[in-house]
C-alpha atoms as a PDB file:
ATOM      1  CA  UNK A   1      -9.987 -19.327 -22.485  1.00  0.00           C
ATOM      2  CA  UNK A   2      -9.364 -16.140 -20.468  1.00  0.00           C
ATOM      3  CA  UNK A   3      -6.242 -16.816 -18.374  1.00  0.00           C
ATOM      4  CA  UNK A   4      -6.216 -15.309 -14.879  1.00  0.00           C
ATOM      5  CA  UNK A   5      -3.311 -13.786 -12.938  1.00  0.00           C
ATOM      6  CA  UNK A   6       0.169 -12.964 -14.196  1.00  0.00           C
ATOM      7  CA  UNK A   7       1.934 -16.207 -13.259  1.00  0.00           C
ATOM      8  CA  UNK A   8       2.042 -19.058 -15.772  1.00  0.00           C
ATOM      9  CA  UNK A   9       0.562 -22.286 -14.407  1.00  0.00           C
ATOM     10  CA  UNK A  10      -0.647 -25.368 -16.236  1.00  0.00           C
ATOM     11  CA  UNK A  11      -4.039 -25.520 -14.518  1.00  0.00           C
ATOM     12  CA  UNK A  12      -5.126 -22.191 -16.066  1.00  0.00           C
ATOM     13  CA  UNK A  13      -4.389 -23.398 -19.621  1.00  0.00           C
ATOM     14  CA  UNK A  14      -6.926 -25.251 -21.790  1.00  0.00           C
ATOM     15  CA  UNK A  15      -5.170 -27.540 -24.327  1.00  0.00           C
ATOM     16  CA  UNK A  16      -6.341 -27.092 -27.913  1.00  0.00           C
ATOM     17  CA  UNK A  17      -7.976 -23.768 -27.053  1.00  0.00           C
ATOM     18  CA  UNK A  18      -6.857 -20.187 -27.723  1.00  0.00           C
ATOM     19  CA  UNK A  19      -5.610 -19.052 -24.312  1.00  0.00           C
ATOM     20  CA  UNK A  20      -5.807 -15.267 -23.979  1.00  0.00           C
ATOM     21  CA  UNK A  21      -3.487 -13.663 -21.407  1.00  0.00           C
ATOM     22  CA  UNK A  22      -3.426 -10.229 -19.836  1.00  0.00           C
ATOM     23  CA  UNK A  23       0.227  -9.342 -20.387  1.00  0.00           C
ATOM     24  CA  UNK A  24       3.579 -10.261 -21.952  1.00  0.00           C
ATOM     25  CA  UNK A  25       5.097 -12.057 -18.932  1.00  0.00           C
ATOM     26  CA  UNK A  26       2.397 -14.711 -18.977  1.00  0.00           C
ATOM     27  CA  UNK A  27       2.621 -14.915 -22.765  1.00  0.00           C
ATOM     28  CA  UNK A  28       6.312 -15.738 -23.016  1.00  0.00           C
ATOM     29  CA  UNK A  29       6.219 -17.874 -19.865  1.00  0.00           C
ATOM     30  CA  UNK A  30       3.496 -20.075 -21.355  1.00  0.00           C
ATOM     31  CA  UNK A  31       5.471 -20.344 -24.600  1.00  0.00           C
ATOM     32  CA  UNK A  32       8.502 -21.429 -22.575  1.00  0.00           C
ATOM     33  CA  UNK A  33       6.382 -24.043 -20.806  1.00  0.00           C
ATOM     34  CA  UNK A  34       5.497 -25.530 -24.168  1.00  0.00           C
ATOM     35  CA  UNK A  35       2.083 -24.097 -24.987  1.00  0.00           C
ATOM     36  CA  UNK A  36       1.879 -23.989 -28.833  1.00  0.00           C
ATOM     37  CA  UNK A  37       2.223 -20.493 -30.279  1.00  0.00           C
ATOM     38  CA  UNK A  38      -1.148 -20.722 -32.023  1.00  0.00           C
ATOM     39  CA  UNK A  39      -2.821 -21.454 -28.662  1.00  0.00           C
ATOM     40  CA  UNK A  40      -1.729 -18.340 -26.723  1.00  0.00           C
ATOM     41  CA  UNK A  41      -2.217 -14.636 -27.409  1.00  0.00           C
ATOM     42  CA  UNK A  42      -2.060 -11.326 -25.497  1.00  0.00           C
ATOM     43  CA  UNK A  43      -5.462  -9.650 -25.191  1.00  0.00           C
ATOM     44  CA  UNK A  44      -5.153  -7.117 -22.349  1.00  0.00           C
ATOM     45  CA  UNK A  45      -6.604  -6.833 -18.870  1.00  0.00           C
ATOM     46  CA  UNK A  46     -10.023  -8.275 -17.950  1.00  0.00           C
ATOM     47  CA  UNK A  47     -11.838  -5.078 -16.929  1.00  0.00           C
ATOM     48  CA  UNK A  48     -15.579  -4.291 -16.760  1.00  0.00           C
ATOM     49  CA  UNK A  49     -16.696  -2.037 -19.602  1.00  0.00           C
ATOM     50  CA  UNK A  50     -18.022   0.736 -17.336  1.00  0.00           C
ATOM     51  CA  UNK A  51     -14.651   1.072 -15.614  1.00  0.00           C
ATOM     52  CA  UNK A  52     -12.755   1.350 -18.898  1.00  0.00           C
ATOM     53  CA  UNK A  53     -15.149   3.868 -20.413  1.00  0.00           C
ATOM     54  CA  UNK A  54     -15.040   5.899 -17.199  1.00  0.00           C
ATOM     55  CA  UNK A  55     -11.235   6.196 -17.050  1.00  0.00           C
ATOM     56  CA  UNK A  56     -10.930   9.809 -18.322  1.00  0.00           C
ATOM     57  CA  UNK A  57     -13.583  11.216 -15.967  1.00  0.00           C
ATOM     58  CA  UNK A  58     -12.471   9.118 -12.976  1.00  0.00           C
ATOM     59  CA  UNK A  59      -8.826  10.134 -13.400  1.00  0.00           C
ATOM     60  CA  UNK A  60      -9.795  13.795 -13.687  1.00  0.00           C
ATOM     61  CA  UNK A  61     -11.914  13.575 -10.520  1.00  0.00           C
ATOM     62  CA  UNK A  62      -9.093  11.955  -8.546  1.00  0.00           C
ATOM     63  CA  UNK A  63      -6.561  14.547  -9.602  1.00  0.00           C
ATOM     64  CA  UNK A  64      -8.981  17.395  -8.864  1.00  0.00           C
ATOM     65  CA  UNK A  65      -9.751  15.972  -5.419  1.00  0.00           C
ATOM     66  CA  UNK A  66      -6.061  15.814  -4.542  1.00  0.00           C
ATOM     67  CA  UNK A  67      -5.418  19.366  -5.730  1.00  0.00           C
ATOM     68  CA  UNK A  68      -8.420  20.584  -3.723  1.00  0.00           C
ATOM     69  CA  UNK A  69      -7.223  18.807  -0.574  1.00  0.00           C
ATOM     70  CA  UNK A  70     -10.330  16.627  -0.356  1.00  0.00           C
ATOM     71  CA  UNK A  71     -10.256  13.423   1.764  1.00  0.00           C
ATOM     72  CA  UNK A  72      -8.532  10.415   0.222  1.00  0.00           C
ATOM     73  CA  UNK A  73     -11.145   7.771  -0.606  1.00  0.00           C
ATOM     74  CA  UNK A  74      -9.828   4.234  -0.133  1.00  0.00           C
ATOM     75  CA  UNK A  75     -11.914   1.229  -1.096  1.00  0.00           C
ATOM     76  CA  UNK A  76     -10.892  -1.950   0.720  1.00  0.00           C
ATOM     77  CA  UNK A  77     -12.584  -5.126  -0.561  1.00  0.00           C
ATOM     78  CA  UNK A  78     -12.187  -8.516   1.085  1.00  0.00           C
ATOM     79  CA  UNK A  79     -10.970 -11.120  -1.383  1.00  0.00           C
ATOM     80  CA  UNK A  80     -11.616 -14.849  -1.391  1.00  0.00           C
ATOM     81  CA  UNK A  81     -12.901 -16.132   1.940  1.00  0.00           C
ATOM     82  CA  UNK A  82     -11.560 -13.221   3.955  1.00  0.00           C
ATOM     83  CA  UNK A  83      -8.103 -14.712   4.443  1.00  0.00           C
ATOM     84  CA  UNK A  84      -6.632 -11.213   4.975  1.00  0.00           C
ATOM     85  CA  UNK A  85      -8.774 -10.467   8.014  1.00  0.00           C
ATOM     86  CA  UNK A  86      -5.956  -9.797  10.472  1.00  0.00           C
ATOM     87  CA  UNK A  87      -4.009  -7.531   8.110  1.00  0.00           C
ATOM     88  CA  UNK A  88      -7.051  -5.509   7.033  1.00  0.00           C
ATOM     89  CA  UNK A  89      -8.453  -5.127  10.536  1.00  0.00           C
ATOM     90  CA  UNK A  90      -5.071  -3.874  11.755  1.00  0.00           C
ATOM     91  CA  UNK A  91      -4.865  -1.504   8.785  1.00  0.00           C
ATOM     92  CA  UNK A  92      -8.282  -0.033   9.561  1.00  0.00           C
ATOM     93  CA  UNK A  93      -7.131   0.597  13.119  1.00  0.00           C
ATOM     94  CA  UNK A  94      -3.864   2.131  11.943  1.00  0.00           C
ATOM     95  CA  UNK A  95      -5.767   4.527   9.677  1.00  0.00           C
ATOM     96  CA  UNK A  96      -8.231   5.570  12.373  1.00  0.00           C
ATOM     97  CA  UNK A  97      -6.338   8.770  13.180  1.00  0.00           C
ATOM     98  CA  UNK A  98      -6.374   9.966   9.557  1.00  0.00           C
ATOM     99  CA  UNK A  99     -10.053   9.008   9.284  1.00  0.00           C
ATOM    100  CA  UNK A 100     -11.006  10.974  12.407  1.00  0.00           C
ATOM    101  CA  UNK A 101      -9.022  13.967  11.127  1.00  0.00           C
ATOM    102  CA  UNK A 102     -11.106  13.891   7.949  1.00  0.00           C
ATOM    103  CA  UNK A 103      -8.114  13.178   5.734  1.00  0.00           C
ATOM    104  CA  UNK A 104      -9.179   9.659   4.725  1.00  0.00           C
ATOM    105  CA  UNK A 105     -12.532   8.073   3.861  1.00  0.00           C
ATOM    106  CA  UNK A 106     -12.881   4.284   3.934  1.00  0.00           C
ATOM    107  CA  UNK A 107     -15.229   2.228   1.761  1.00  0.00           C
ATOM    108  CA  UNK A 108     -15.094  -1.215   3.403  1.00  0.00           C
ATOM    109  CA  UNK A 109     -16.561  -4.036   1.319  1.00  0.00           C
ATOM    110  CA  UNK A 110     -17.127  -7.006   3.623  1.00  0.00           C
ATOM    111  CA  UNK A 111     -18.978  -8.649   0.709  1.00  0.00           C
ATOM    112  CA  UNK A 112     -21.124 -11.613   1.822  1.00  0.00           C
ATOM    113  CA  UNK A 113     -18.668 -12.736   4.514  1.00  0.00           C
ATOM    114  CA  UNK A 114     -20.374 -12.572   7.903  1.00  0.00           C
ATOM    115  CA  UNK A 115     -17.087 -13.029   9.779  1.00  0.00           C
ATOM    116  CA  UNK A 116     -15.557 -10.065   7.927  1.00  0.00           C
ATOM    117  CA  UNK A 117     -18.569  -7.889   8.674  1.00  0.00           C
ATOM    118  CA  UNK A 118     -18.143  -8.663  12.356  1.00  0.00           C
ATOM    119  CA  UNK A 119     -14.386  -8.106  12.141  1.00  0.00           C
ATOM    120  CA  UNK A 120     -14.849  -4.700  10.501  1.00  0.00           C
ATOM    121  CA  UNK A 121     -17.495  -3.659  13.015  1.00  0.00           C
ATOM    122  CA  UNK A 122     -15.217  -4.750  15.870  1.00  0.00           C
ATOM    123  CA  UNK A 123     -12.293  -2.748  14.475  1.00  0.00           C
ATOM    124  CA  UNK A 124     -14.437   0.337  13.924  1.00  0.00           C
ATOM    125  CA  UNK A 125     -16.035   0.254  17.337  1.00  0.00           C
ATOM    126  CA  UNK A 126     -12.792  -0.474  19.192  1.00  0.00           C
ATOM    127  CA  UNK A 127     -11.227   2.548  17.505  1.00  0.00           C
ATOM    128  CA  UNK A 128     -14.292   4.727  18.121  1.00  0.00           C
ATOM    129  CA  UNK A 129     -14.929   5.225  14.390  1.00  0.00           C
ATOM    130  CA  UNK A 130     -18.457   6.158  13.346  1.00  0.00           C
ATOM    131  CA  UNK A 131     -19.767   4.530  10.161  1.00  0.00           C
ATOM    132  CA  UNK A 132     -22.695   4.140   7.798  1.00  0.00           C
ATOM    133  CA  UNK A 133     -23.847   0.824   6.372  1.00  0.00           C
ATOM    134  CA  UNK A 134     -25.019  -0.176   2.864  1.00  0.00           C
ATOM    135  CA  UNK A 135     -26.776  -3.536   2.544  1.00  0.00           C
ATOM    136  CA  UNK A 136     -28.237  -3.910  -0.969  1.00  0.00           C
ATOM    137  CA  UNK A 137     -27.694  -3.141  -4.666  1.00  0.00           C
ATOM    138  CA  UNK A 138     -30.019  -0.138  -4.630  1.00  0.00           C
ATOM    139  CA  UNK A 139     -28.017   1.305  -1.758  1.00  0.00           C
ATOM    140  CA  UNK A 140     -24.596   0.895  -3.384  1.00  0.00           C
ATOM    141  CA  UNK A 141     -25.810   2.337  -6.692  1.00  0.00           C
ATOM    142  CA  UNK A 142     -27.324   5.325  -4.901  1.00  0.00           C
ATOM    143  CA  UNK A 143     -24.106   5.779  -2.917  1.00  0.00           C
ATOM    144  CA  UNK A 144     -22.031   5.794  -6.111  1.00  0.00           C
ATOM    145  CA  UNK A 145     -24.214   8.452  -7.738  1.00  0.00           C
ATOM    146  CA  UNK A 146     -23.917  10.700  -4.689  1.00  0.00           C
ATOM    147  CA  UNK A 147     -20.136  10.281  -4.571  1.00  0.00           C
ATOM    148  CA  UNK A 148     -19.823  11.779  -8.069  1.00  0.00           C
ATOM    149  CA  UNK A 149     -20.650  15.218  -6.646  1.00  0.00           C
ATOM    150  CA  UNK A 150     -20.903  14.894  -2.851  1.00  0.00           C
ATOM    151  CA  UNK A 151     -19.024  13.609   0.192  1.00  0.00           C
ATOM    152  CA  UNK A 152     -20.315  10.722   2.358  1.00  0.00           C
ATOM    153  CA  UNK A 153     -22.137  11.643   5.563  1.00  0.00           C
ATOM    154  CA  UNK A 154     -19.560   9.684   7.569  1.00  0.00           C
ATOM    155  CA  UNK A 155     -15.907   8.977   6.838  1.00  0.00           C
ATOM    156  CA  UNK A 156     -16.413   5.207   6.936  1.00  0.00           C
ATOM    157  CA  UNK A 157     -19.000   3.261   4.944  1.00  0.00           C
ATOM    158  CA  UNK A 158     -19.390  -0.485   5.467  1.00  0.00           C
ATOM    159  CA  UNK A 159     -20.827  -2.500   2.585  1.00  0.00           C
ATOM    160  CA  UNK A 160     -22.205  -5.882   3.648  1.00  0.00           C
ATOM    161  CA  UNK A 161     -24.648  -8.210   1.894  1.00  0.00           C
ATOM    162  CA  UNK A 162     -26.494 -11.487   2.019  1.00  0.00           C
ATOM    163  CA  UNK A 163     -26.141 -12.218  -1.706  1.00  0.00           C
ATOM    164  CA  UNK A 164     -22.986 -13.014  -3.658  1.00  0.00           C
ATOM    165  CA  UNK A 165     -23.667 -10.951  -6.801  1.00  0.00           C
ATOM    166  CA  UNK A 166     -24.034  -7.606  -5.017  1.00  0.00           C
ATOM    167  CA  UNK A 167     -20.982  -8.423  -2.907  1.00  0.00           C
ATOM    168  CA  UNK A 168     -18.807  -8.950  -5.996  1.00  0.00           C
ATOM    169  CA  UNK A 169     -20.319  -6.079  -8.005  1.00  0.00           C
ATOM    170  CA  UNK A 170     -19.758  -3.476  -5.275  1.00  0.00           C
ATOM    171  CA  UNK A 171     -16.032  -3.056  -5.922  1.00  0.00           C
ATOM    172  CA  UNK A 172     -16.653  -2.638  -9.661  1.00  0.00           C
ATOM    173  CA  UNK A 173     -19.396  -0.087  -8.995  1.00  0.00           C
ATOM    174  CA  UNK A 174     -17.331   1.995  -6.554  1.00  0.00           C
ATOM    175  CA  UNK A 175     -13.880   2.012  -8.192  1.00  0.00           C
ATOM    176  CA  UNK A 176     -14.556   5.066 -10.356  1.00  0.00           C
ATOM    177  CA  UNK A 177     -15.626   7.164  -7.347  1.00  0.00           C
ATOM    178  CA  UNK A 178     -12.722   6.009  -5.159  1.00  0.00           C
ATOM    179  CA  UNK A 179      -9.195   7.451  -5.205  1.00  0.00           C
ATOM    180  CA  UNK A 180      -7.289   4.291  -4.244  1.00  0.00           C
ATOM    181  CA  UNK A 181      -8.070   0.575  -4.349  1.00  0.00           C
ATOM    182  CA  UNK A 182      -6.393  -1.222  -1.434  1.00  0.00           C
ATOM    183  CA  UNK A 183      -6.352  -4.969  -2.050  1.00  0.00           C
ATOM    184  CA  UNK A 184      -4.239  -8.081  -2.347  1.00  0.00           C
ATOM    185  CA  UNK A 185      -2.723  -8.642  -5.822  1.00  0.00           C
ATOM    186  CA  UNK A 186      -5.674 -10.669  -7.121  1.00  0.00           C
ATOM    187  CA  UNK A 187      -7.470  -9.995 -10.413  1.00  0.00           C
ATOM    188  CA  UNK A 188      -8.103  -6.527  -8.977  1.00  0.00           C
ATOM    189  CA  UNK A 189      -4.385  -5.832  -9.486  1.00  0.00           C
ATOM    190  CA  UNK A 190      -5.190  -5.307 -13.178  1.00  0.00           C
ATOM    191  CA  UNK A 191      -7.900  -2.663 -12.577  1.00  0.00           C
ATOM    192  CA  UNK A 192      -7.491   0.927 -13.907  1.00  0.00           C
ATOM    193  CA  UNK A 193      -7.412   2.711 -10.555  1.00  0.00           C
ATOM    194  CA  UNK A 194      -4.446   3.746  -8.365  1.00  0.00           C
ATOM    195  CA  UNK A 195      -3.747   0.685  -6.237  1.00  0.00           C
ATOM    196  CA  UNK A 196      -2.160  -0.013  -2.878  1.00  0.00           C
ATOM    197  CA  UNK A 197      -1.173  -3.670  -3.185  1.00  0.00           C
ATOM    198  CA  UNK A 198      -1.222  -5.261   0.261  1.00  0.00           C
ATOM    199  CA  UNK A 199       0.039  -8.662   1.409  1.00  0.00           C
ATOM    200  CA  UNK A 200      -0.733 -11.539  -0.942  1.00  0.00           C
ATOM    201  CA  UNK A 201      -2.536 -14.703   0.064  1.00  0.00           C
ATOM    202  CA  UNK A 202      -1.071 -16.964  -2.659  1.00  0.00           C
ATOM    203  CA  UNK A 203       2.556 -16.726  -3.792  1.00  0.00           C
ATOM    204  CA  UNK A 204       1.474 -16.531  -7.444  1.00  0.00           C
ATOM    205  CA  UNK A 205      -0.162 -13.151  -6.709  1.00  0.00           C
ATOM    206  CA  UNK A 206       3.228 -11.457  -6.313  1.00  0.00           C
ATOM    207  CA  UNK A 207       3.575 -11.363 -10.104  1.00  0.00           C
ATOM    208  CA  UNK A 208       0.307  -9.434 -10.453  1.00  0.00           C
ATOM    209  CA  UNK A 209       1.586  -6.734  -8.080  1.00  0.00           C
ATOM    210  CA  UNK A 210       4.744  -6.478 -10.173  1.00  0.00           C
ATOM    211  CA  UNK A 211       2.586  -6.021 -13.285  1.00  0.00           C
ATOM    212  CA  UNK A 212       0.701  -3.135 -11.648  1.00  0.00           C
ATOM    213  CA  UNK A 213       3.866  -1.454 -10.433  1.00  0.00           C
ATOM    214  CA  UNK A 214       5.630  -1.694 -13.796  1.00  0.00           C
ATOM    215  CA  UNK A 215       2.565  -0.280 -15.570  1.00  0.00           C
ATOM    216  CA  UNK A 216       2.602   2.601 -13.095  1.00  0.00           C
ATOM    217  CA  UNK A 217      -0.968   2.150 -11.821  1.00  0.00           C
ATOM    218  CA  UNK A 218      -0.149   0.415  -8.528  1.00  0.00           C
ATOM    219  CA  UNK A 219       2.449  -0.117  -5.822  1.00  0.00           C
ATOM    220  CA  UNK A 220       4.638  -3.130  -5.285  1.00  0.00           C
ATOM    221  CA  UNK A 221       3.315  -5.593  -2.724  1.00  0.00           C
ATOM    222  CA  UNK A 222       3.203  -4.111   0.771  1.00  0.00           C
ATOM    223  CA  UNK A 223       3.850  -6.780   3.398  1.00  0.00           C
ATOM    224  CA  UNK A 224       3.397  -4.861   6.663  1.00  0.00           C
ATOM    225  CA  UNK A 225       0.743  -2.454   7.975  1.00  0.00           C
ATOM    226  CA  UNK A 226       3.146   0.433   8.796  1.00  0.00           C
ATOM    227  CA  UNK A 227       4.385   0.342   5.192  1.00  0.00           C
ATOM    228  CA  UNK A 228       0.785   0.503   3.948  1.00  0.00           C
ATOM    229  CA  UNK A 229       0.125   3.530   6.161  1.00  0.00           C
ATOM    230  CA  UNK A 230       3.259   5.170   4.777  1.00  0.00           C
ATOM    231  CA  UNK A 231       1.884   4.768   1.249  1.00  0.00           C
ATOM    232  CA  UNK A 232      -1.397   6.377   2.348  1.00  0.00           C
ATOM    233  CA  UNK A 233       0.631   9.319   3.659  1.00  0.00           C
ATOM    234  CA  UNK A 234       2.400   9.542   0.300  1.00  0.00           C
ATOM    235  CA  UNK A 235      -0.943   9.563  -1.511  1.00  0.00           C
ATOM    236  CA  UNK A 236      -1.939  12.488   0.714  1.00  0.00           C
ATOM    237  CA  UNK A 237       1.256  14.537   0.500  1.00  0.00           C
ATOM    238  CA  UNK A 238       2.827  13.880  -2.913  1.00  0.00           C
ATOM    239  CA  UNK A 239       1.748  13.676  -6.552  1.00  0.00           C
ATOM    240  CA  UNK A 240       1.696   9.863  -6.447  1.00  0.00           C
ATOM    241  CA  UNK A 241      -2.020   9.639  -7.309  1.00  0.00           C
ATOM    242  CA  UNK A 242      -1.598  12.089 -10.175  1.00  0.00           C
ATOM    243  CA  UNK A 243       1.362  10.068 -11.463  1.00  0.00           C
ATOM    244  CA  UNK A 244      -0.650   6.836 -11.314  1.00  0.00           C
ATOM    245  CA  UNK A 245      -3.600   8.507 -13.021  1.00  0.00           C
ATOM    246  CA  UNK A 246      -1.311   9.667 -15.830  1.00  0.00           C
ATOM    247  CA  UNK A 247      -0.087   6.088 -16.248  1.00  0.00           C
ATOM    248  CA  UNK A 248      -3.658   4.789 -16.322  1.00  0.00           C
ATOM    249  CA  UNK A 249      -4.622   7.225 -19.061  1.00  0.00           C
ATOM    250  CA  UNK A 250      -1.504   6.358 -21.075  1.00  0.00           C
ATOM    251  CA  UNK A 251      -2.168   2.621 -20.643  1.00  0.00           C
ATOM    252  CA  UNK A 252      -5.753   3.121 -21.736  1.00  0.00           C
ATOM    253  CA  UNK A 253      -4.708   4.838 -24.949  1.00  0.00           C
ATOM    254  CA  UNK A 254      -2.695   1.793 -26.034  1.00  0.00           C
ATOM    255  CA  UNK A 255      -5.409  -0.711 -25.094  1.00  0.00           C
ATOM    256  CA  UNK A 256      -3.915  -2.247 -21.941  1.00  0.00           C
ATOM    257  CA  UNK A 257      -7.371  -2.432 -20.314  1.00  0.00           C
ATOM    258  CA  UNK A 258      -9.238  -3.656 -23.430  1.00  0.00           C
ATOM    259  CA  UNK A 259      -8.868  -7.390 -22.755  1.00  0.00           C
ATOM    260  CA  UNK A 260     -12.608  -8.140 -22.583  1.00  0.00           C
ATOM    261  CA  UNK A 261     -13.353  -6.169 -25.743  1.00  0.00           C
ATOM    262  CA  UNK A 262     -10.475  -7.857 -27.562  1.00  0.00           C
ATOM    263  CA  UNK A 263     -11.564 -11.292 -26.381  1.00  0.00           C
ATOM    264  CA  UNK A 264     -15.039 -10.718 -27.840  1.00  0.00           C
ATOM    265  CA  UNK A 265     -13.570  -9.440 -31.101  1.00  0.00           C
ATOM    266  CA  UNK A 266     -11.231 -12.432 -31.414  1.00  0.00           C
ATOM    267  CA  UNK A 267     -14.044 -14.880 -30.637  1.00  0.00           C
ATOM    268  CA  UNK A 268     -16.325 -13.331 -33.272  1.00  0.00           C
ATOM    269  CA  UNK A 269     -13.558 -13.288 -35.875  1.00  0.00           C
ATOM    270  CA  UNK A 270     -12.795 -16.965 -35.248  1.00  0.00           C
ATOM    271  CA  UNK A 271     -16.484 -17.918 -35.375  1.00  0.00           C
ATOM    272  CA  UNK A 272     -16.826 -16.273 -38.815  1.00  0.00           C
ATOM    273  CA  UNK A 273     -14.007 -18.445 -40.158  1.00  0.00           C
ATOM    274  CA  UNK A 274     -15.634 -21.681 -38.992  1.00  0.00           C
END
C-alpha cells in the first residue's frame, strides 16, 4: 500500500499489508498510532520515472535560465475540483505586471475543469493578458519539446482538456521545462522541482509543505497572495531557485525521490519469498 501525504491517518493504512510511506514523519507517526513495525516502511517519494531521470538536466536548465536572466516559468495546476479558484485567479491577476514585462511566463493547467478554464480566461482577459491555448496530448507534448530549447510565443499558455488523463498528465509532462511549480501542498509537494506552496485546501496538507521546506525543494505554505508574489520576486532576484535545485540534486543522490522504484523492488522481493 502506497501511503499518500505526510500526515498519519488511519484511513490511508491497510491492516495486514506493508504500508510504504514517503518520509520519516509519517513512519514514526504511524508506529506511534500502533501500526505494527513489520507493516510500515519508508520508501521515498512517489515520483514519475521521467521526472526523476530528468533531474540533472532540468536543474541545470533552471539554473542557466536564472543566470541568463530568462523569464521565470511558473506552472500552476488546479488540484482536486478547483477548490483554490479564488486564490489562483487573484494570483494570476497579481502577477500580470511581471508577465507583461516579460519577467514571468505562466503555464496554467485548468485540467478538465470547465469552471476553472472560464475562471482563468476571465482573469486573463480582465487583466489584458494575451495567451495561447493547448487542448490535447499531442499539443502538450509538442509544447514541452519546444520549451527545451525555445521560449513560448506568448507569456501565458492555458492548458485545458475534455479528458481526465491528459489533464492529470500535463503537470508531469511540463515540470522538467518549468522553473517553479506553484500548487497547494498535495502529492505535488513531493515533486523534484522548486515549489511555491500556496494555501492548502485540507489541513492535513500543511505537513506536506513542511516536508518540502525541510528538504529544501519548496517553500513553507503561503497563505496570502501578496506573500506568494513576494516569493516570485525572490525567485527572480536571488539565488533561491539555484539553492532549491542544489537541494533537489542532493536529495536525488540519496534516493529521496525513488519511492516508486523502491516500491517495485520491495514488491518483487516479497513475491519471490512467497
